[in-house]
């Protein structure tokens, strides 16, 4: 039997792949990209990156290739930036060039270039300018939003009092409470903790956060054109996103029915008014899809990061009761028990401020940061990065940079205190990223974290059924984010 005919097609394909690989290597050298591991055809650097932790895989590549290197996610090339100096040079010193947003295949199919977080060009510029102005008009950074946070905290404290000191998992109650703050700004109202539709929306968002970490979704990001045509669990993520959009569309419709152009009540009203003003402009960026996706972006950004930081922070405070005691001593000295904590208290509470910063630094909720892209052909540290190429500024490498934080893997509020015990800023604190793509809700998040932590510790003593030494504060990874391990919290009124 002649076996050669059966091998002809595979041999041709193998030859083509090898030629493609050599061609890519030639082009990469021509364009002077940063160094990196040699990719395989179609698979890219999957073998080097596939494992329990993408962050650990990238660390090993950094050790071999330096703080600026190139990887291939399937056929997509990505420049990775590691450490404060490299990230700062890109996002701050060359902010315009590195100000693009790279949407992975997953995001391209969901947001489709719309919304606030994953849009680019004129769409992003107009939506960001509008959002910052509108959020500021409705209280972001002003006393009115502080009062909304304080009001929501009272609902949370009441929920905690109902437990009468019995252990609870604080995950969902914290998420509901924090999400109500951004809801009051974006949708003009808070929702009852028992509101079934509201709970469904939160559950859908949480379910998608878990799904991002599955093998199916990882494969989708690598091979979207193939996975688009295959059945599998990854499709449920897209169905969930459409359900989230339908929920927000229902809220928007109610706003349309009650809209008073002379008196907008929230972000949604303001967006609808802008849509009316530009309805005859064929190039307008203010259309229904951008409203829906922007509202979801703000809702997600204003809920998950802050609520997860609070949940992780309470676990750390259980782990280190001496830290909790010092915060409560500062609360007693500055605030007492007869009034609600306010933002004017923060400058007088350096230890509390340092602990909150250290919680954010230590847990770094999104260790990989959000993917960027370069907006034009860019020279960086002697390399040439072509327009549109994806860039991963690894925020974990900044927040854990040993050149700026002594013993960075240890939780230590002293990272943000000087020798006299005064709060001390650190240039490598990039919990909200930096440059043109810095988180638009940074001011709100800072305010929420201070008011939530101080209000909870003013009202309750924290304890757990587990001994402090038995609590595990190492994170679990869900896709691109970190979350604390499940734990039980007991809150006893002080």
Protein backbone atom coordinates (compact mmCIF):
# COMPACT_ATOMS: atom_id res chain seq x y z
CA UNK A 1 0.00 0.00 0.00
CA UNK A 2 1.30 3.45 -0.91
CA UNK A 3 1.14 5.68 2.20
CA UNK A 4 2.46 8.88 0.60
CA UNK A 5 -0.82 10.17 -0.87
CA UNK A 6 -2.39 10.17 2.60
CA UNK A 7 0.43 12.32 3.92
CA UNK A 8 0.39 14.90 1.15
CA UNK A 9 -2.21 17.27 2.65
CA UNK A 10 -0.80 17.20 6.21
CA UNK A 11 2.69 17.77 4.81
CA UNK A 12 1.51 20.77 2.83
CA UNK A 13 -0.28 22.22 5.88
CA UNK A 14 2.75 21.66 8.09
CA UNK A 15 5.00 23.34 5.56
CA UNK A 16 2.61 26.28 5.30
CA UNK A 17 2.54 26.67 9.08
CA UNK A 18 6.32 26.60 9.30
CA UNK A 19 6.61 29.20 6.55
CA UNK A 20 4.03 31.33 8.34
CA UNK A 21 6.00 31.05 11.55
CA UNK A 22 9.25 32.03 9.84
CA UNK A 23 7.49 34.92 8.14
CA UNK A 24 6.11 36.19 11.43
CA UNK A 25 9.53 35.95 13.03
CA UNK A 26 10.99 37.88 10.11
CA UNK A 27 8.33 40.58 10.34
CA UNK A 28 8.77 40.82 14.10
CA UNK A 29 12.50 41.34 13.69
CA UNK A 30 11.90 43.89 10.95
CA UNK A 31 9.54 45.84 13.14
CA UNK A 32 11.84 45.55 16.14
CA UNK A 33 9.25 44.27 18.60
CA UNK A 34 10.27 43.56 22.21
CA UNK A 35 11.72 40.06 22.72
CA UNK A 36 9.62 37.09 23.71
CA UNK A 37 9.11 33.35 23.33
CA UNK A 38 8.78 31.97 19.82
CA UNK A 39 5.11 31.34 19.00
CA UNK A 40 3.62 28.21 17.50
CA UNK A 41 1.38 28.55 14.42
CA UNK A 42 -2.21 29.36 15.47
CA UNK A 43 -1.52 28.48 19.12
CA UNK A 44 0.90 31.35 19.72
CA UNK A 45 2.47 31.03 23.18
CA UNK A 46 -0.33 28.92 24.59
CA UNK A 47 2.11 26.32 25.92
CA UNK A 48 4.05 28.94 27.90
CA UNK A 49 0.91 30.66 29.21
CA UNK A 50 -1.43 27.75 29.89
CA UNK A 51 -1.51 26.91 33.59
CA UNK A 52 -3.20 27.61 36.90
CA UNK A 53 -2.12 31.27 36.91
CA UNK A 54 -1.50 33.48 33.88
CA UNK A 55 0.17 35.96 36.22
CA UNK A 56 2.77 33.38 37.30
CA UNK A 57 3.40 32.42 33.67
CA UNK A 58 4.00 36.07 32.78
CA UNK A 59 6.33 36.48 35.76
CA UNK A 60 8.47 33.60 34.48
CA UNK A 61 8.63 35.23 31.04
CA UNK A 62 9.57 38.57 32.65
CA UNK A 63 12.45 36.85 34.44
CA UNK A 64 13.70 35.59 31.06
CA UNK A 65 12.98 38.51 28.72
CA UNK A 66 12.90 41.59 30.96
CA UNK A 67 10.18 44.13 31.87
CA UNK A 68 9.01 44.65 28.26
CA UNK A 69 8.31 41.56 26.18
CA UNK A 70 6.03 40.21 23.45
CA UNK A 71 3.66 37.25 23.66
CA UNK A 72 1.18 35.74 21.23
CA UNK A 73 -2.37 34.95 22.34
CA UNK A 74 -3.19 32.68 19.44
CA UNK A 75 -2.48 34.88 16.42
CA UNK A 76 -2.75 38.14 18.42
CA UNK A 77 0.48 39.87 19.44
CA UNK A 78 0.64 41.54 22.85
CA UNK A 79 3.34 43.69 24.46
CA UNK A 80 3.54 43.06 28.20
CA UNK A 81 4.77 45.81 30.55
CA UNK A 82 6.09 44.73 33.95
CA UNK A 83 6.97 46.94 36.93
CA UNK A 84 6.27 50.54 37.89
CA UNK A 85 8.89 52.15 35.65
CA UNK A 86 7.74 50.46 32.43
CA UNK A 87 4.02 50.95 33.14
CA UNK A 88 4.49 54.59 34.16
CA UNK A 89 6.60 55.36 31.07
CA UNK A 90 3.84 53.99 28.86
CA UNK A 91 0.58 55.04 30.52
CA UNK A 92 1.72 58.39 31.93
CA UNK A 93 4.77 59.61 29.98
CA UNK A 94 3.35 58.43 26.63
CA UNK A 95 -0.30 58.60 27.61
CA UNK A 96 -1.57 59.57 24.16
CA UNK A 97 0.21 56.73 22.37
CA UNK A 98 -0.85 54.08 24.91
CA UNK A 99 -4.36 55.46 25.40
CA UNK A 100 -6.19 52.99 23.17
CA UNK A 101 -8.30 50.14 24.50
CA UNK A 102 -7.78 46.65 23.18
CA UNK A 103 -10.88 44.52 23.30
CA UNK A 104 -10.27 40.80 23.49
CA UNK A 105 -12.55 38.66 21.32
CA UNK A 106 -14.90 38.19 24.26
CA UNK A 107 -15.37 41.94 24.64
CA UNK A 108 -15.64 42.53 20.90
CA UNK A 109 -18.65 40.21 20.76
CA UNK A 110 -20.38 41.69 23.83
CA UNK A 111 -19.68 45.44 23.78
CA UNK A 112 -19.01 45.59 20.02
CA UNK A 113 -16.99 48.79 20.38
CA UNK A 114 -19.76 50.54 22.31
CA UNK A 115 -19.86 51.87 25.83
CA UNK A 116 -17.43 53.64 28.07
CA UNK A 117 -14.79 51.04 28.94
CA UNK A 118 -13.98 49.27 25.66
CA UNK A 119 -14.61 51.90 23.01
CA UNK A 120 -11.90 53.81 21.16
CA UNK A 121 -11.33 56.98 19.19
CA UNK A 122 -14.03 59.60 19.03
CA UNK A 123 -16.63 57.34 20.64
CA UNK A 124 -14.49 56.91 23.73
CA UNK A 125 -13.47 60.57 23.91
CA UNK A 126 -17.04 61.86 23.71
CA UNK A 127 -18.51 59.28 26.07
CA UNK A 128 -15.76 59.72 28.66
CA UNK A 129 -16.07 63.53 28.58
CA UNK A 130 -19.84 63.29 28.85
CA UNK A 131 -19.72 60.70 31.64
CA UNK A 132 -17.21 62.58 33.78
CA UNK A 133 -19.19 65.81 33.45
CA UNK A 134 -22.54 64.15 34.09
CA UNK A 135 -21.38 62.12 37.06
CA UNK A 136 -19.86 65.26 38.53
CA UNK A 137 -23.14 67.13 38.01
CA UNK A 138 -25.02 64.40 39.85
CA UNK A 139 -22.75 64.41 42.82
CA UNK A 140 -19.59 62.47 41.99
CA UNK A 141 -16.95 64.07 44.17
CA UNK A 142 -19.51 66.35 45.85
CA UNK A 143 -21.24 66.18 49.21
CA UNK A 144 -24.49 64.92 47.69
CA UNK A 145 -22.91 61.60 46.69
CA UNK A 146 -21.36 61.37 50.13
CA UNK A 147 -24.84 61.67 51.60
CA UNK A 148 -26.12 58.94 49.26
CA UNK A 149 -23.33 56.63 50.40
CA UNK A 150 -24.02 57.38 54.05
CA UNK A 151 -27.72 56.67 53.52
CA UNK A 152 -27.00 53.34 51.83
CA UNK A 153 -24.60 52.37 54.59
CA UNK A 154 -27.41 52.73 57.12
CA UNK A 155 -29.43 50.12 55.20
CA UNK A 156 -26.39 47.84 55.25
CA UNK A 157 -25.80 48.31 58.98
CA UNK A 158 -29.43 47.45 59.63
CA UNK A 159 -29.02 44.22 57.63
CA UNK A 160 -25.99 43.40 59.75
CA UNK A 161 -27.90 44.09 62.98
CA UNK A 162 -30.58 41.63 61.90
CA UNK A 163 -27.99 38.83 62.02
CA UNK A 164 -27.73 39.30 65.80
CA UNK A 165 -24.14 38.17 65.75
CA UNK A 166 -24.68 34.93 63.82
CA UNK A 167 -22.06 34.18 61.14
CA UNK A 168 -22.81 35.17 57.54
CA UNK A 169 -21.13 35.21 54.16
CA UNK A 170 -20.96 38.97 53.42
CA UNK A 171 -20.58 38.58 49.66
CA UNK A 172 -24.07 39.29 48.40
CA UNK A 173 -25.14 41.88 50.98
CA UNK A 174 -22.01 43.96 50.28
CA UNK A 175 -22.54 43.70 46.52
CA UNK A 176 -26.17 44.83 46.82
CA UNK A 177 -25.27 47.75 49.04
CA UNK A 178 -22.40 49.05 46.90
CA UNK A 179 -24.36 48.61 43.67
CA UNK A 180 -27.16 50.75 45.05
CA UNK A 181 -24.78 53.72 45.27
CA UNK A 182 -23.98 53.68 41.55
CA UNK A 183 -27.63 52.84 40.81
CA UNK A 184 -28.71 56.07 42.50
CA UNK A 185 -26.43 58.04 40.17
CA UNK A 186 -27.00 56.12 36.92
CA UNK A 187 -30.65 55.11 37.33
CA UNK A 188 -31.83 57.70 39.86
CA UNK A 189 -32.99 55.25 42.53
CA UNK A 190 -31.80 52.58 44.91
CA UNK A 191 -33.36 49.15 44.87
CA UNK A 192 -34.76 47.15 47.76
CA UNK A 193 -32.54 44.29 48.83
CA UNK A 194 -35.54 42.04 48.20
CA UNK A 195 -36.14 43.30 44.64
CA UNK A 196 -36.08 40.09 42.59
CA UNK A 197 -35.19 41.72 39.25
CA UNK A 198 -32.32 43.62 40.88
CA UNK A 199 -31.02 40.42 42.46
CA UNK A 200 -31.28 38.70 39.07
CA UNK A 201 -29.11 41.39 37.45
CA UNK A 202 -26.46 41.00 40.15
CA UNK A 203 -26.57 37.24 39.77
CA UNK A 204 -26.12 37.47 36.00
CA UNK A 205 -23.06 39.68 36.42
CA UNK A 206 -21.60 37.34 39.04
CA UNK A 207 -22.25 34.29 36.86
CA UNK A 208 -20.36 35.86 33.96
CA UNK A 209 -17.41 36.68 36.18
CA UNK A 210 -17.16 32.98 36.97
CA UNK A 211 -17.59 31.96 33.33
CA UNK A 212 -14.70 34.15 32.19
CA UNK A 213 -12.38 31.71 33.97
CA UNK A 214 -13.52 28.61 32.07
CA UNK A 215 -11.46 26.78 29.46
CA UNK A 216 -14.24 27.42 26.93
CA UNK A 217 -14.00 31.19 27.26
CA UNK A 218 -10.20 31.10 27.16
CA UNK A 219 -10.44 29.14 23.92
CA UNK A 220 -12.95 31.67 22.60
CA UNK A 221 -10.49 34.53 23.15
CA UNK A 222 -7.83 32.57 21.25
CA UNK A 223 -9.97 31.21 18.41
CA UNK A 224 -13.15 33.33 18.13
CA UNK A 225 -13.88 32.58 14.47
CA UNK A 226 -13.96 28.86 15.24
CA UNK A 227 -15.71 29.06 18.61
CA UNK A 228 -18.45 31.30 17.19
CA UNK A 229 -19.75 28.26 15.33
CA UNK A 230 -19.43 25.72 18.13
CA UNK A 231 -21.93 24.91 20.87
CA UNK A 232 -20.64 25.05 24.41
CA UNK A 233 -20.81 26.77 27.83
CA UNK A 234 -19.13 29.90 26.44
CA UNK A 235 -22.36 30.80 24.67
CA UNK A 236 -24.15 31.15 28.00
CA UNK A 237 -21.90 34.11 28.79
CA UNK A 238 -23.17 35.96 25.72
CA UNK A 239 -26.76 35.04 26.54
CA UNK A 240 -26.26 36.42 30.05
CA UNK A 241 -24.91 39.67 28.67
CA UNK A 242 -27.97 40.05 26.45
CA UNK A 243 -30.19 39.50 29.51
CA UNK A 244 -28.28 42.26 31.33
CA UNK A 245 -28.86 44.57 28.38
CA UNK A 246 -32.59 43.76 28.37
CA UNK A 247 -32.79 44.66 32.06
CA UNK A 248 -31.12 48.03 31.49
CA UNK A 249 -33.25 48.64 28.40
CA UNK A 250 -36.33 48.23 30.59
CA UNK A 251 -35.01 50.83 33.02
CA UNK A 252 -34.22 53.17 30.11
CA UNK A 253 -37.74 52.79 28.73
CA UNK A 254 -39.22 53.88 32.06
CA UNK A 255 -36.96 56.92 31.96
CA UNK A 256 -38.18 57.77 28.45
CA UNK A 257 -41.76 57.77 29.68
CA UNK A 258 -41.06 60.21 32.52
CA UNK A 259 -38.28 62.29 30.96
CA UNK A 260 -38.34 66.02 31.63
CA UNK A 261 -35.67 67.61 29.39
CA UNK A 262 -35.56 70.67 31.64
CA UNK A 263 -34.79 68.66 34.77
CA UNK A 264 -32.68 65.49 34.30
CA UNK A 265 -32.60 63.35 37.42
CA UNK A 266 -29.69 61.01 36.70
CA UNK A 267 -27.11 59.80 34.18
CA UNK A 268 -29.73 57.99 32.10
CA UNK A 269 -31.89 61.11 31.78
CA UNK A 270 -28.89 63.19 30.76
CA UNK A 271 -27.93 60.65 28.09
CA UNK A 272 -31.48 60.52 26.70
CA UNK A 273 -31.54 64.32 26.45
CA UNK A 274 -28.23 64.29 24.58
CA UNK A 275 -29.68 61.64 22.24
CA UNK A 276 -32.61 63.94 21.48
CA UNK A 277 -30.30 66.87 20.83
CA UNK A 278 -28.23 64.87 18.31
CA UNK A 279 -30.92 62.66 16.79
CA UNK A 280 -30.40 64.24 13.33
CA UNK A 281 -26.62 63.80 13.42
CA UNK A 282 -25.73 60.61 11.49
CA UNK A 283 -22.33 60.46 13.24
CA UNK A 284 -23.62 60.91 16.77
CA UNK A 285 -22.10 58.74 19.47
CA UNK A 286 -25.15 59.18 21.65
CA UNK A 287 -27.42 56.36 20.62
CA UNK A 288 -29.38 53.60 22.34
CA UNK A 289 -26.64 50.95 22.26
CA UNK A 290 -24.02 53.27 23.72
CA UNK A 291 -26.43 54.22 26.51
CA UNK A 292 -27.15 50.59 27.40
CA UNK A 293 -23.52 49.45 27.35
CA UNK A 294 -22.24 52.59 29.13
CA UNK A 295 -24.81 52.12 31.90
CA UNK A 296 -23.73 48.50 32.29
CA UNK A 297 -20.07 49.55 32.31
CA UNK A 298 -20.69 52.04 35.09
CA UNK A 299 -22.88 49.60 36.99
CA UNK A 300 -20.27 46.83 36.81
CA UNK A 301 -17.33 49.14 37.54
CA UNK A 302 -19.17 50.77 40.44
CA UNK A 303 -20.19 47.43 41.95
CA UNK A 304 -17.69 44.61 41.55
CA UNK A 305 -14.36 46.26 42.29
CA UNK A 306 -15.49 48.13 45.40
CA UNK A 307 -17.63 45.34 46.84
CA UNK A 308 -14.87 42.78 46.28
CA UNK A 309 -12.32 45.10 47.91
CA UNK A 310 -14.62 45.54 50.92
CA UNK A 311 -15.16 41.79 51.21
CA UNK A 312 -11.45 41.08 50.90
CA UNK A 313 -10.64 43.89 53.32
CA UNK A 314 -12.94 42.52 56.02
CA UNK A 315 -11.25 39.12 55.66
CA UNK A 316 -7.84 40.76 56.12
CA UNK A 317 -9.10 42.62 59.19
CA UNK A 318 -10.27 39.28 60.64
CA UNK A 319 -6.83 37.86 59.91
CA UNK A 320 -5.05 40.75 61.64
CA UNK A 321 -7.19 41.83 64.63
CA UNK A 322 -4.45 44.18 65.88
CA UNK A 323 -4.97 46.25 62.70
CA UNK A 324 -8.72 46.35 63.35
CA UNK A 325 -8.11 47.50 66.94
CA UNK A 326 -5.90 50.39 65.81
CA UNK A 327 -8.52 51.53 63.29
CA UNK A 328 -11.22 51.44 65.94
CA UNK A 329 -9.02 53.39 68.33
CA UNK A 330 -8.62 56.06 65.63
CA UNK A 331 -12.39 56.04 65.01
CA UNK A 332 -13.06 56.59 68.73
CA UNK A 333 -10.56 59.43 68.90
CA UNK A 334 -11.66 61.29 65.75
CA UNK A 335 -15.33 60.37 65.22
CA UNK A 336 -16.67 58.78 68.38
CA UNK A 337 -20.01 56.98 68.53
CA UNK A 338 -22.44 59.90 68.26
CA UNK A 339 -22.18 60.80 64.57
CA UNK A 340 -21.76 59.23 61.14
CA UNK A 341 -18.26 59.11 59.59
CA UNK A 342 -17.68 61.66 56.82
CA UNK A 343 -14.95 62.43 54.33
CA UNK A 344 -13.70 65.35 56.43
CA UNK A 345 -12.50 62.75 58.92
CA UNK A 346 -10.08 61.05 56.53
CA UNK A 347 -7.16 63.54 56.79
CA UNK A 348 -7.32 63.11 60.58
CA UNK A 349 -7.15 59.30 60.35
CA UNK A 350 -3.80 58.46 58.70
CA UNK A 351 -3.66 54.87 59.94
CA UNK A 352 -7.14 54.05 58.63
CA UNK A 353 -6.29 55.70 55.31
CA UNK A 354 -3.06 53.69 55.13
CA UNK A 355 -4.87 50.41 55.85
CA UNK A 356 -7.42 51.04 53.09
CA UNK A 357 -4.65 51.83 50.60
CA UNK A 358 -2.74 48.72 51.68
CA UNK A 359 -5.83 46.56 51.25
CA UNK A 360 -6.19 47.81 47.67
CA UNK A 361 -2.48 47.32 46.99
CA UNK A 362 -2.26 43.89 48.57
CA UNK A 363 -5.32 42.34 46.94
CA UNK A 364 -4.98 44.11 43.51
CA UNK A 365 -8.38 42.93 42.30
CA UNK A 366 -7.47 43.12 38.58
CA UNK A 367 -3.81 42.06 38.56
CA UNK A 368 -3.40 42.08 34.78
CA UNK A 369 -5.05 45.48 34.39
CA UNK A 370 -7.31 46.27 31.45
CA UNK A 371 -5.74 45.67 28.02
CA UNK A 372 -4.58 48.78 26.18
CA UNK A 373 -3.50 49.36 22.59
CA UNK A 374 -1.24 51.89 20.94
CA UNK A 375 -3.04 54.56 18.94
CA UNK A 376 -0.20 55.05 16.43
CA UNK A 377 3.19 53.58 15.54
CA UNK A 378 5.16 54.09 18.73
CA UNK A 379 8.80 54.02 19.81
CA UNK A 380 9.20 52.65 23.34
CA UNK A 381 12.51 51.86 25.02
CA UNK A 382 14.14 51.38 21.65
CA UNK A 383 11.43 49.05 20.33
CA UNK A 384 8.89 49.76 17.60
CA UNK A 385 5.27 48.97 18.49
CA UNK A 386 2.89 49.20 15.52
CA UNK A 387 -0.43 51.02 15.69
CA UNK A 388 -3.26 48.93 17.10
CA UNK A 389 -1.04 46.40 18.85
CA UNK A 390 -2.36 45.21 22.22
CA UNK A 391 -0.53 46.17 25.42
CA UNK A 392 -0.95 44.56 28.85
CA UNK A 393 0.23 46.90 31.65
CA UNK A 394 0.44 44.42 34.55
CA UNK A 395 -0.90 46.36 37.55
CA UNK A 396 0.10 43.59 39.95
CA UNK A 397 3.72 44.19 39.01
CA UNK A 398 3.30 47.87 39.94
CA UNK A 399 1.44 47.35 43.20
CA UNK A 400 3.93 44.64 44.22
CA UNK A 401 7.07 46.30 42.86
CA UNK A 402 9.87 45.64 45.41
CA UNK A 403 11.58 48.87 44.36
CA UNK A 404 8.65 50.82 45.81
CA UNK A 405 7.21 48.52 48.49
CA UNK A 406 9.44 46.71 50.98
CA UNK A 407 8.45 43.04 51.23
CA UNK A 408 5.49 43.58 48.86
CA UNK A 409 3.93 40.14 49.44
CA UNK A 410 3.32 41.02 53.10
CA UNK A 411 0.28 43.02 54.23
CA UNK A 412 1.73 46.09 55.95
CA UNK A 413 -0.04 49.47 56.38
CA UNK A 414 3.43 50.90 56.95
CA UNK A 415 3.81 50.96 53.17
CA UNK A 416 1.73 54.17 53.34
CA UNK A 417 3.01 55.71 56.58
CA UNK A 418 6.11 57.77 57.27
CA UNK A 419 8.22 57.38 60.40
CA UNK A 420 6.03 59.87 62.26
CA UNK A 421 2.87 57.87 61.50
CA UNK A 422 1.55 60.33 58.93
CA UNK A 423 -0.08 59.10 55.74
CA UNK A 424 2.44 58.96 52.90
CA UNK A 425 1.55 58.66 49.22
CA UNK A 426 3.39 56.17 47.04
CA UNK A 427 3.82 56.82 43.31
CA UNK A 428 3.44 53.10 42.59
CA UNK A 429 -0.11 53.00 43.98
CA UNK A 430 -1.93 52.41 40.68
CA UNK A 431 -4.97 50.51 41.94
CA UNK A 432 -7.11 52.50 39.49
CA UNK A 433 -4.58 52.33 36.63
CA UNK A 434 -3.10 55.57 35.28
CA UNK A 435 -3.02 57.89 32.30
CA UNK A 436 -5.91 58.56 29.95
CA UNK A 437 -7.65 55.28 30.81
CA UNK A 438 -7.60 55.74 34.58
CA UNK A 439 -10.83 54.54 36.18
CA UNK A 440 -13.48 57.29 35.88
CA UNK A 441 -15.03 56.19 39.17
CA UNK A 442 -11.83 56.50 41.22
CA UNK A 443 -13.17 59.34 43.36
CA UNK A 444 -16.39 57.48 44.12
CA UNK A 445 -14.55 54.26 44.99
CA UNK A 446 -12.17 56.04 47.36
CA UNK A 447 -15.09 57.69 49.11
CA UNK A 448 -17.06 54.45 49.38
CA UNK A 449 -14.16 52.45 50.79
CA UNK A 450 -13.45 54.98 53.53
CA UNK A 451 -17.09 55.46 54.54
CA UNK A 452 -18.02 51.77 54.41
CA UNK A 453 -15.00 50.57 56.38
CA UNK A 454 -15.21 53.25 59.07
CA UNK A 455 -18.99 52.92 59.47
CA UNK A 456 -18.83 49.13 59.82
CA UNK A 457 -15.96 49.26 62.33
CA UNK A 458 -17.60 52.09 64.25
CA UNK A 459 -20.74 49.99 64.74
CA UNK A 460 -19.48 46.41 65.03
CA UNK A 461 -16.78 44.21 66.45
CA UNK A 462 -15.59 41.70 63.85
CA UNK A 463 -14.98 38.03 64.49
CA UNK A 464 -15.08 34.71 62.69
CA UNK A 465 -15.84 31.10 63.61
CA UNK A 466 -12.30 30.36 62.41
CA UNK A 467 -9.23 31.45 64.34
CA UNK A 468 -7.26 34.32 62.74
CA UNK A 469 -4.26 32.07 62.09
CA UNK A 470 -6.51 29.62 60.22
CA UNK A 471 -7.96 32.20 57.83
CA UNK A 472 -6.57 31.96 54.30
CA UNK A 473 -6.10 35.34 52.61
CA UNK A 474 -4.53 34.00 49.42
CA UNK A 475 -6.81 34.81 46.47
CA UNK A 476 -8.83 32.73 44.11
CA UNK A 477 -8.56 33.68 40.43
CA UNK A 478 -11.67 34.23 38.34
CA UNK A 479 -10.52 34.98 34.82
CA UNK A 480 -8.77 38.34 34.95
CA UNK A 481 -9.74 39.11 38.55
CA UNK A 482 -8.94 38.03 42.09
CA UNK A 483 -11.54 37.31 44.75
CA UNK A 484 -11.17 36.30 48.40
CA UNK A 485 -11.91 32.78 49.48
CA UNK A 486 -15.30 32.21 51.07
CA UNK A 487 -15.44 32.97 54.77
CA UNK A 488 -17.92 33.56 57.57
CA UNK A 489 -18.16 36.95 59.31
CA UNK A 490 -19.72 37.61 62.69
CA UNK A 491 -20.71 41.22 63.47
CA UNK A 492 -21.45 42.05 67.09
CA UNK A 493 -22.76 45.57 67.91
CA UNK A 494 -20.24 47.62 69.87
